[in-house]
Protein backbone atom coordinates (compact mmCIF):
# COMPACT_ATOMS: atom_id res chain seq x y z
CA UNK A 1 41.67 50.38 99.59
CA UNK A 2 45.33 51.30 99.50
CA UNK A 3 47.14 51.67 96.17
CA UNK A 4 49.27 48.60 96.95
CA UNK A 5 46.11 46.55 97.63
CA UNK A 6 44.58 47.73 94.35
CA UNK A 7 47.77 46.80 92.49
CA UNK A 8 47.79 43.34 94.09
CA UNK A 9 44.12 42.86 93.22
CA UNK A 10 44.74 43.96 89.63
CA UNK A 11 47.63 41.48 89.35
CA UNK A 12 45.46 38.67 90.72
CA UNK A 13 42.61 39.47 88.34
CA UNK A 14 45.08 39.68 85.45
CA UNK A 15 46.38 36.20 86.29
CA UNK A 16 42.81 34.91 86.42
CA UNK A 17 42.12 36.44 83.01
CA UNK A 18 45.22 34.62 81.71
CA UNK A 19 43.97 31.39 83.30
CA UNK A 20 40.33 31.59 82.11
CA UNK A 21 40.59 33.84 79.06
CA UNK A 22 39.50 37.39 78.31
CA UNK A 23 36.04 36.53 77.03
CA UNK A 24 32.67 37.14 78.63
CA UNK A 25 32.45 33.39 79.43
CA UNK A 26 35.31 33.89 81.93
CA UNK A 27 33.35 36.30 84.11
CA UNK A 28 31.73 33.79 86.46
CA UNK A 29 34.86 31.70 87.17
CA UNK A 30 36.84 34.88 87.84
CA UNK A 31 34.14 36.19 90.19
CA UNK A 32 34.07 32.85 92.01
CA UNK A 33 37.84 32.88 92.54
CA UNK A 34 37.84 36.47 93.81
CA UNK A 35 34.99 35.52 96.16
CA UNK A 36 37.02 32.59 97.51
CA UNK A 37 40.15 34.68 98.00
CA UNK A 38 38.56 37.78 99.54
CA UNK A 39 35.22 36.57 100.87
CA UNK A 40 33.42 39.12 98.71
CA UNK A 41 33.71 40.97 95.41
CA UNK A 42 34.43 44.62 96.09
CA UNK A 43 33.46 47.52 93.83
CA UNK A 44 37.14 47.92 92.93
CA UNK A 45 37.37 44.23 91.96
CA UNK A 46 34.24 44.54 89.82
CA UNK A 47 35.68 47.60 88.04
CA UNK A 48 38.98 45.84 87.38
CA UNK A 49 37.29 42.69 86.12
CA UNK A 50 35.15 44.77 83.77
CA UNK A 51 38.20 46.67 82.51
CA UNK A 52 40.29 43.54 81.95
CA UNK A 53 37.44 41.64 80.25
CA UNK A 54 36.48 44.74 78.26
CA UNK A 55 32.85 44.61 79.34
CA UNK A 56 30.66 47.20 81.01
CA UNK A 57 30.88 47.34 84.85
CA UNK A 58 27.08 47.02 85.01
CA UNK A 59 27.36 43.54 83.50
CA UNK A 60 29.82 42.50 86.21
CA UNK A 61 27.59 44.00 88.90
CA UNK A 62 24.53 42.28 87.41
CA UNK A 63 26.15 38.85 87.52
CA UNK A 64 27.60 39.45 90.98
CA UNK A 65 24.25 40.43 92.47
CA UNK A 66 22.23 37.82 90.58
CA UNK A 67 23.91 34.82 92.20
CA UNK A 68 23.16 34.40 95.90
CA UNK A 69 26.54 32.76 96.52
CA UNK A 70 28.42 35.85 95.40
CA UNK A 71 28.65 38.78 97.79
CA UNK A 72 29.45 42.42 97.17
CA UNK A 73 30.16 43.10 100.83
CA UNK A 74 32.32 41.34 103.36
CA UNK A 75 30.56 38.40 104.95
CA UNK A 76 30.89 36.66 108.26
CA UNK A 77 33.36 33.92 109.09
CA UNK A 78 30.49 31.41 109.02
CA UNK A 79 27.88 32.08 106.33
CA UNK A 80 24.83 30.01 107.10
CA UNK A 81 22.31 29.56 104.29
CA UNK A 82 19.03 27.76 104.84
CA UNK A 83 17.15 26.26 101.91
CA UNK A 84 13.69 27.77 101.43
CA UNK A 85 12.15 25.41 98.88
CA UNK A 86 8.71 23.88 99.33
CA UNK A 87 10.25 20.50 100.19
CA UNK A 88 12.22 22.07 103.06
CA UNK A 89 9.06 23.94 104.11
CA UNK A 90 7.29 20.59 104.42
CA UNK A 91 10.05 19.18 106.64
CA UNK A 92 10.09 21.92 109.31
CA UNK A 93 12.29 24.60 107.76
CA UNK A 94 10.60 27.15 110.04
CA UNK A 95 11.66 25.22 113.15
CA UNK A 96 15.23 25.17 111.87
CA UNK A 97 15.10 28.90 111.15
CA UNK A 98 13.86 29.65 114.68
CA UNK A 99 16.61 27.47 116.20
CA UNK A 100 19.30 29.25 114.16
CA UNK A 101 18.00 32.70 115.11
CA UNK A 102 17.67 31.75 118.77
CA UNK A 103 21.15 30.20 119.02
CA UNK A 104 22.94 32.96 117.12
CA UNK A 105 20.94 35.92 118.39
CA UNK A 106 20.43 37.32 114.88
CA UNK A 107 17.67 37.29 112.28
CA UNK A 108 17.88 36.15 108.68
CA UNK A 109 19.63 38.77 106.57
CA UNK A 110 21.82 39.87 109.49
CA UNK A 111 25.45 39.43 110.50
CA UNK A 112 26.40 39.00 114.16
CA UNK A 113 28.11 41.99 115.79
CA UNK A 114 31.39 40.03 116.03
CA UNK A 115 31.09 39.23 112.27
CA UNK A 116 31.36 35.49 112.96
CA UNK A 117 27.89 34.45 111.73
CA UNK A 118 25.46 35.47 109.03
CA UNK A 119 22.06 34.01 108.24
CA UNK A 120 20.46 33.97 104.81
CA UNK A 121 17.90 32.02 102.86
CA UNK A 122 18.88 30.40 99.58
CA UNK A 123 16.46 29.32 96.87
CA UNK A 124 17.72 25.74 96.60
CA UNK A 125 20.62 23.62 97.79
CA UNK A 126 19.69 20.63 95.64
CA UNK A 127 18.96 18.49 98.69
CA UNK A 128 15.20 18.21 98.23
CA UNK A 129 15.15 14.55 99.22
CA UNK A 130 17.08 15.29 102.43
CA UNK A 131 15.46 18.46 103.74
CA UNK A 132 15.54 20.60 105.57
CA UNK A 133 19.07 21.48 104.51
CA UNK A 134 21.54 24.27 105.19
CA UNK A 135 24.96 25.25 104.01
CA UNK A 136 27.64 26.61 106.32
CA UNK A 137 30.33 28.06 104.10
CA UNK A 138 30.90 25.06 101.79
CA UNK A 139 29.60 22.29 104.08
CA UNK A 140 26.10 20.93 103.48
CA UNK A 141 24.00 19.69 106.40
CA UNK A 142 20.79 17.80 105.68
CA UNK A 143 17.89 16.10 107.45
CA UNK A 144 18.07 18.82 110.07
CA UNK A 145 16.19 19.02 113.32
CA UNK A 146 16.35 21.91 115.79
CA UNK A 147 18.45 19.70 118.09
CA UNK A 148 20.85 18.82 115.27
CA UNK A 149 21.22 22.53 114.45
CA UNK A 150 22.23 23.26 118.06
CA UNK A 151 24.79 20.44 117.94
CA UNK A 152 26.26 21.75 114.68
CA UNK A 153 26.49 25.29 116.04
CA UNK A 154 28.06 23.99 119.25
CA UNK A 155 30.78 22.34 117.18
CA UNK A 156 31.42 25.53 115.24
CA UNK A 157 31.47 27.63 118.38
CA UNK A 158 33.87 25.16 119.99
CA UNK A 159 31.69 24.55 123.01
């Protein structure tokens, strides 16, 4: 990171601390906003957040890595998360997973070479009555079938 980028990041985090407060309870909202702005929470951002909240960097890292919706590394343009609960298992989650892998040419846990798509499992999307379900960035898709997955991906790809 360049010095000017670090200074900008520090200013943004400082404004978030002003917005949410300098207490430990502000950590998660600040992390979420940095995630939205940058797509991930860099090591530099974690250090600055820890410094400005006067907490240990390990605490920031622990929270950042605990939540599956927070990322410490840059993610793809389209982050696809498939629910892996028992209710989604019972409604053909494995068929959905195979369709996603086949259509995108990547496995779960991977990012496509053009950095457009990533696949990951998530513990729960809260859509147990409408499974299987997946999340693409902030859009939820439910009652999926392999065919519906292909249609959704076609729309994203602009086919």
